[in-house]
C-alpha cells in the first residue's frame, strides 16, 4: 500500500493525538531527568505532595483547564509549562506529518512514511525536552543529545543523507564548539566558554542534517541568543541564572563542606572548569544564558525550512 492511499486527514489527527499524549510524557521527562529520577516509575505523581495523579486528571491540556491550573490532591499551582509542552507536542506531531511525511512522493510506501514520521517525531520530542530542561537547569542530558544522535545514525536511510555525511556532520558539529569554546577558551580564561552539552547537541544536528545543519544551528542560535540576551538585559537590567542552577550550586557547596579533604579535592578536580562551581559575574559580557534553547530553535528552523534557509545562508549570505 502506498502512503498516498491513506487519508491525510486521518494521519494528521493521529499525529496530533500522539503529539498531545507524548507531550504529557515529556513533562515527566523534563521534571525527572535532570534530577536523576526514573522517568518510567512511579507513574505520574504530584511534584508537591507526591500523590498519584489519576488518569482523568492527566488528560493533555484539558485537565489543566478543568482544574484551573491547580492540583486536585493538594491545591498546589501547576505551572503553565505543562499544557504548553503538551500543545507543542501536538503542534509538532502535526508539523512532522504535514510537512515531512505528506510531502513525500505519491509512490512512497506506507511503511516508509510511518517510519519517517516516527523518527522525526522522536527527534522533535527530544529537542523539546532539551529546550525546557536547559531553560530550567542549564543542562543538556547525554541521554537526549547522544541518544538523539544515535537515532539519527540508525535512521539515516530515511533521509537524503548517506552514512559518511552523517558522521562528517556530527564531527563538524562537535568540533566547531569543542575546539574553540572548550579547549581554546579554557586555555585563555581557565574555564570553558560553552558546555560540552552544546557541542553534543550540535553533533546531533550534524548527524541528522549534515554539516550545513550543524553550522546553521550554531550561527542562527548565536544570533537569536544574542538578540534575546540584549532584550532581557535592556528590559530587566541584568541576566540572572535560572533558580534551579542557583539551588544546585548551593547544594554542591553544602556537599563539599561535608566532605573530608581528600574527597573534596577529588570532587573539585572532577568538576574543574564546570560553570556550576563558579559564581556568575555581573555585566552583560559575563552573563550566563542557556544556549541550548536557541540551538534547538535553530534546529527546528532548519528541519522545517531547510531548502529556503540553505539557499539563503549557504549561497547568498556567504557570497555577500
Protein backbone atom coordinates (compact mmCIF):
# COMPACT_ATOMS: atom_id res chain seq x y z
CA UNK A 1 0.00 0.00 0.00
CA UNK A 2 1.24 3.46 -0.86
CA UNK A 3 1.24 6.36 1.58
CA UNK A 4 -0.97 8.37 -0.78
CA UNK A 5 -3.77 5.82 -0.32
CA UNK A 6 -4.12 6.67 3.38
CA UNK A 7 -6.49 9.58 4.17
CA UNK A 8 -4.33 12.62 5.04
CA UNK A 9 -6.94 13.93 7.49
CA UNK A 10 -6.78 10.66 9.43
CA UNK A 11 -2.98 10.76 9.52
CA UNK A 12 -2.98 14.35 10.76
CA UNK A 13 -5.49 13.61 13.53
CA UNK A 14 -3.47 10.61 14.70
CA UNK A 15 -0.26 12.68 14.61
CA UNK A 16 -1.78 15.46 16.73
CA UNK A 17 -3.21 13.00 19.27
CA UNK A 18 0.15 11.25 19.56
CA UNK A 19 1.81 14.63 20.00
CA UNK A 20 -0.54 15.57 22.84
CA UNK A 21 -0.08 12.22 24.59
CA UNK A 22 3.70 12.20 24.28
CA UNK A 23 3.75 15.88 25.20
CA UNK A 24 2.26 14.82 28.53
CA UNK A 25 5.04 12.25 28.93
CA UNK A 26 7.60 14.92 28.03
CA UNK A 27 6.59 16.82 31.16
CA UNK A 28 7.65 13.79 33.19
CA UNK A 29 10.98 13.64 31.35
CA UNK A 30 11.59 17.38 31.79
CA UNK A 31 10.91 17.17 35.53
CA UNK A 32 12.66 13.90 36.37
CA UNK A 33 15.62 13.50 34.02
CA UNK A 34 17.74 16.42 35.34
CA UNK A 35 17.02 15.19 38.87
CA UNK A 36 18.30 11.69 38.04
CA UNK A 37 14.88 10.17 38.73
CA UNK A 38 13.34 7.20 36.95
CA UNK A 39 11.15 8.54 34.12
CA UNK A 40 9.02 5.38 33.94
CA UNK A 41 8.35 4.62 37.63
CA UNK A 42 6.48 5.62 39.64
CA UNK A 43 3.58 6.68 37.38
CA UNK A 44 2.65 10.37 37.21
CA UNK A 45 2.68 11.91 40.68
CA UNK A 46 2.16 15.39 42.06
CA UNK A 47 5.60 17.04 42.35
CA UNK A 48 4.48 18.84 45.54
CA UNK A 49 2.73 16.20 47.71
CA UNK A 50 3.67 13.04 45.80
CA UNK A 51 0.08 11.81 45.38
CA UNK A 52 -0.71 9.62 42.39
CA UNK A 53 -2.31 11.59 39.55
CA UNK A 54 -5.43 9.85 38.28
CA UNK A 55 -5.96 9.25 34.58
CA UNK A 56 -8.89 11.67 34.39
CA UNK A 57 -6.64 14.42 35.82
CA UNK A 58 -3.91 13.65 33.32
CA UNK A 59 -5.69 14.41 30.04
CA UNK A 60 -3.39 16.67 27.99
CA UNK A 61 -4.30 20.38 28.22
CA UNK A 62 -7.93 19.68 29.10
CA UNK A 63 -7.24 18.56 32.69
CA UNK A 64 -5.16 21.68 33.38
CA UNK A 65 -8.01 23.88 32.13
CA UNK A 66 -10.67 21.99 34.13
CA UNK A 67 -8.58 22.15 37.31
CA UNK A 68 -7.75 25.82 36.62
CA UNK A 69 -4.06 25.21 36.92
CA UNK A 70 -4.18 23.61 40.37
CA UNK A 71 -3.58 20.05 41.57
CA UNK A 72 -6.72 18.25 42.75
CA UNK A 73 -4.81 16.43 45.51
CA UNK A 74 -3.27 19.37 47.39
CA UNK A 75 -4.29 22.53 45.53
CA UNK A 76 -0.73 23.32 44.53
CA UNK A 77 -0.27 25.51 41.48
CA UNK A 78 0.51 23.62 38.26
CA UNK A 79 2.92 25.51 36.04
CA UNK A 80 1.55 26.68 32.65
CA UNK A 81 4.58 24.90 31.22
CA UNK A 82 2.68 21.61 31.44
CA UNK A 83 -0.12 22.46 28.97
CA UNK A 84 2.36 24.43 26.87
CA UNK A 85 4.58 21.37 26.39
CA UNK A 86 1.52 19.25 25.58
CA UNK A 87 0.32 21.79 23.00
CA UNK A 88 3.80 21.95 21.47
CA UNK A 89 3.79 18.16 21.28
CA UNK A 90 0.52 18.23 19.34
CA UNK A 91 1.80 21.00 17.07
CA UNK A 92 5.00 19.05 16.48
CA UNK A 93 3.07 15.91 15.52
CA UNK A 94 1.01 17.93 13.03
CA UNK A 95 4.07 19.69 11.56
CA UNK A 96 6.07 16.49 11.08
CA UNK A 97 3.17 14.70 9.44
CA UNK A 98 2.08 17.64 7.29
CA UNK A 99 5.45 18.93 6.12
CA UNK A 100 7.78 15.94 6.23
CA UNK A 101 5.56 12.93 5.56
CA UNK A 102 2.60 14.05 3.45
CA UNK A 103 5.03 15.92 1.19
CA UNK A 104 6.76 12.65 0.22
CA UNK A 105 6.26 11.41 -3.38
CA UNK A 106 2.95 9.65 -4.06
CA UNK A 107 4.85 6.44 -4.83
CA UNK A 108 6.18 6.26 -1.26
CA UNK A 109 5.29 3.02 0.52
CA UNK A 110 3.17 3.46 3.65
CA UNK A 111 5.71 1.83 5.97
CA UNK A 112 8.45 4.20 4.80
CA UNK A 113 6.16 7.14 5.55
CA UNK A 114 5.32 5.83 9.03
CA UNK A 115 8.99 5.19 9.84
CA UNK A 116 9.84 8.69 8.63
CA UNK A 117 7.17 10.16 10.88
CA UNK A 118 8.30 8.16 13.91
CA UNK A 119 11.96 9.06 13.51
CA UNK A 120 11.41 12.81 13.05
CA UNK A 121 8.70 12.83 15.72
CA UNK A 122 11.09 11.24 18.23
CA UNK A 123 13.76 13.79 17.28
CA UNK A 124 11.38 16.70 17.83
CA UNK A 125 10.19 15.38 21.18
CA UNK A 126 13.78 15.04 22.33
CA UNK A 127 14.54 18.59 21.19
CA UNK A 128 11.54 19.95 23.08
CA UNK A 129 12.69 18.18 26.24
CA UNK A 130 16.21 19.59 25.80
CA UNK A 131 14.83 23.10 25.34
CA UNK A 132 12.86 23.14 28.58
CA UNK A 133 15.48 21.26 30.65
CA UNK A 134 18.21 23.69 29.60
CA UNK A 135 15.97 26.70 30.31
CA UNK A 136 15.47 25.49 33.87
CA UNK A 137 18.75 23.76 34.70
CA UNK A 138 21.28 24.92 32.07
CA UNK A 139 21.81 21.24 31.39
CA UNK A 140 21.65 19.16 28.20
CA UNK A 141 21.49 15.48 29.27
CA UNK A 142 23.55 12.98 27.28
CA UNK A 143 20.56 10.64 27.19
CA UNK A 144 18.84 13.12 24.88
CA UNK A 145 21.75 14.62 22.92
CA UNK A 146 23.77 11.45 22.31
CA UNK A 147 20.60 9.36 22.24
CA UNK A 148 19.19 11.62 19.53
CA UNK A 149 22.45 11.40 17.59
CA UNK A 150 22.31 7.61 17.83
CA UNK A 151 18.76 7.63 16.49
CA UNK A 152 19.97 9.80 13.61
CA UNK A 153 22.66 7.29 12.73
CA UNK A 154 20.37 4.25 12.70
CA UNK A 155 17.70 6.11 10.69
CA UNK A 156 19.92 7.82 8.10
CA UNK A 157 18.45 5.71 5.28
CA UNK A 158 15.13 7.52 5.79
CA UNK A 159 16.76 10.82 4.80
CA UNK A 160 18.63 12.02 1.70
CA UNK A 161 21.90 11.58 3.57
CA UNK A 162 24.45 8.79 3.49
CA UNK A 163 26.33 7.46 6.49
CA UNK A 164 29.52 9.34 5.60
CA UNK A 165 27.64 12.65 5.50
CA UNK A 166 26.01 11.88 8.85
CA UNK A 167 29.32 11.03 10.52
CA UNK A 168 31.07 14.03 8.99
CA UNK A 169 28.24 16.31 10.03
CA UNK A 170 28.37 15.02 13.58
CA UNK A 171 32.14 15.51 13.76
CA UNK A 172 31.90 19.07 12.40
CA UNK A 173 29.07 19.91 14.80
CA UNK A 174 31.01 18.69 17.83
CA UNK A 175 34.41 20.11 16.90
CA UNK A 176 33.13 23.55 15.91
CA UNK A 177 32.18 24.06 19.58
CA UNK A 178 34.66 21.82 21.40
CA UNK A 179 37.85 23.19 19.85
CA UNK A 180 37.37 26.98 20.17
CA UNK A 181 34.84 27.26 23.01
CA UNK A 182 36.03 24.45 25.28
CA UNK A 183 39.71 23.79 24.61
CA UNK A 184 40.63 27.26 23.34
CA UNK A 185 38.53 29.27 25.81
CA UNK A 186 39.75 27.12 28.69
CA UNK A 187 43.37 27.95 27.82
CA UNK A 188 42.60 31.67 27.73
CA UNK A 189 40.17 32.05 30.63
CA UNK A 190 40.61 28.91 32.72
CA UNK A 191 37.08 27.65 32.09
CA UNK A 192 35.02 26.68 29.04
CA UNK A 193 33.01 29.31 27.17
CA UNK A 194 30.33 26.78 26.22
CA UNK A 195 29.40 23.49 27.79
CA UNK A 196 30.03 20.13 26.20
CA UNK A 197 26.27 19.67 26.12
CA UNK A 198 26.09 22.35 23.41
CA UNK A 199 28.77 20.52 21.43
CA UNK A 200 26.83 17.24 21.72
CA UNK A 201 23.63 19.00 20.63
CA UNK A 202 25.39 20.27 17.51
CA UNK A 203 26.74 16.75 16.99
CA UNK A 204 23.10 15.63 16.93
CA UNK A 205 22.26 18.36 14.39
CA UNK A 206 25.16 17.31 12.18
CA UNK A 207 24.20 13.63 12.25
CA UNK A 208 20.63 14.44 11.21
CA UNK A 209 21.25 17.22 8.70
CA UNK A 210 24.94 17.07 7.75
CA UNK A 211 27.47 19.80 8.31
CA UNK A 212 25.23 22.56 6.82
CA UNK A 213 22.63 21.84 9.51
CA UNK A 214 25.22 21.95 12.30
CA UNK A 215 26.75 25.21 11.09
CA UNK A 216 23.36 26.81 10.56
CA UNK A 217 22.27 25.80 14.07
CA UNK A 218 25.42 27.40 15.53
CA UNK A 219 25.11 30.62 13.51
CA UNK A 220 21.36 31.09 13.85
CA UNK A 221 21.43 30.03 17.50
CA UNK A 222 24.17 32.57 18.26
CA UNK A 223 22.31 35.39 16.50
CA UNK A 224 18.98 34.62 18.19
CA UNK A 225 20.65 34.08 21.57
CA UNK A 226 22.45 37.41 21.33
CA UNK A 227 19.24 39.23 20.44
CA UNK A 228 17.42 37.57 23.35
CA UNK A 229 20.24 38.46 25.77
CA UNK A 230 20.20 42.11 24.67
CA UNK A 231 16.41 42.30 25.02
CA UNK A 232 16.45 40.76 28.51
CA UNK A 233 19.31 42.97 29.65
CA UNK A 234 17.70 46.10 28.24
CA UNK A 235 14.36 45.39 29.92
CA UNK A 236 15.49 43.87 33.22
CA UNK A 237 18.92 45.47 33.61
CA UNK A 238 20.52 42.08 34.29
CA UNK A 239 20.51 38.44 33.23
CA UNK A 240 20.05 36.04 36.10
CA UNK A 241 20.80 32.34 36.14
CA UNK A 242 17.79 30.04 36.45
CA UNK A 243 16.71 29.49 40.04
CA UNK A 244 17.38 25.74 39.77
CA UNK A 245 21.02 26.43 38.88
CA UNK A 246 21.48 28.60 41.97
CA UNK A 247 19.92 25.89 44.12
CA UNK A 248 22.20 23.27 42.57
CA UNK A 249 25.22 25.45 43.35
CA UNK A 250 24.17 25.84 46.99
CA UNK A 251 23.62 22.09 47.27
CA UNK A 252 27.08 21.48 45.80
CA UNK A 253 28.64 23.86 48.34
CA UNK A 254 26.97 22.01 51.18
CA UNK A 255 28.11 18.67 49.78
CA UNK A 256 31.69 19.89 49.51
CA UNK A 257 31.62 21.31 53.04
CA UNK A 258 30.52 17.94 54.43
CA UNK A 259 33.40 16.04 52.77
CA UNK A 260 36.86 15.35 54.13
CA UNK A 261 39.86 16.98 52.44
CA UNK A 262 40.65 14.07 50.11
CA UNK A 263 37.05 13.66 48.97
CA UNK A 264 36.68 17.40 48.46
CA UNK A 265 39.89 17.61 46.41
CA UNK A 266 38.81 14.68 44.22
CA UNK A 267 35.38 16.18 43.51
CA UNK A 268 36.82 19.64 42.83
CA UNK A 269 39.29 18.11 40.37
CA UNK A 270 36.43 16.26 38.68
CA UNK A 271 34.42 19.48 38.41
CA UNK A 272 37.37 21.62 37.32
CA UNK A 273 36.08 24.23 34.89
CA UNK A 274 32.43 23.35 35.44
CA UNK A 275 30.37 26.55 35.36
CA UNK A 276 28.31 25.27 38.29
CA UNK A 277 31.34 25.72 40.56
CA UNK A 278 31.76 29.40 39.67
CA UNK A 279 29.64 32.30 40.82
CA UNK A 280 28.33 34.38 37.91
CA UNK A 281 29.86 37.79 37.33
CA UNK A 282 27.87 40.96 36.85
CA UNK A 283 27.55 42.69 33.49
CA UNK A 284 26.27 41.67 30.09
CA UNK A 285 29.60 40.30 28.87
CA UNK A 286 29.78 37.80 31.75
CA UNK A 287 26.08 36.91 31.86
CA UNK A 288 25.16 33.24 31.63
CA UNK A 289 22.27 32.42 29.38
CA UNK A 290 21.34 28.85 28.44
CA UNK A 291 22.38 28.47 24.80
CA UNK A 292 20.69 25.13 24.20
CA UNK A 293 17.18 26.57 23.63
CA UNK A 294 18.47 28.78 20.83
CA UNK A 295 20.30 25.86 19.22
CA UNK A 296 17.09 23.83 19.46
CA UNK A 297 15.11 26.68 17.90
CA UNK A 298 17.61 26.87 15.03
CA UNK A 299 17.46 23.09 14.51
CA UNK A 300 13.68 23.28 14.28
CA UNK A 301 14.01 26.11 11.76
CA UNK A 302 16.41 24.08 9.65
CA UNK A 303 14.21 20.98 9.91
CA UNK A 304 11.10 22.66 8.56
CA UNK A 305 12.66 25.40 6.38
CA UNK A 306 15.81 23.63 5.19
CA UNK A 307 15.52 24.33 1.47
CA UNK A 308 14.87 28.05 1.86
CA UNK A 309 17.43 28.53 4.63
CA UNK A 310 20.12 26.57 2.82
CA UNK A 311 19.73 28.81 -0.20
CA UNK A 312 19.72 31.97 1.88
CA UNK A 313 22.63 31.22 4.20
CA UNK A 314 24.87 28.98 2.14
CA UNK A 315 24.60 30.76 -1.19
CA UNK A 316 23.56 34.39 -0.95
CA UNK A 317 24.83 35.20 2.56
CA UNK A 318 28.30 33.76 2.04
CA UNK A 319 28.63 35.36 -1.37
CA UNK A 320 27.81 38.77 0.07
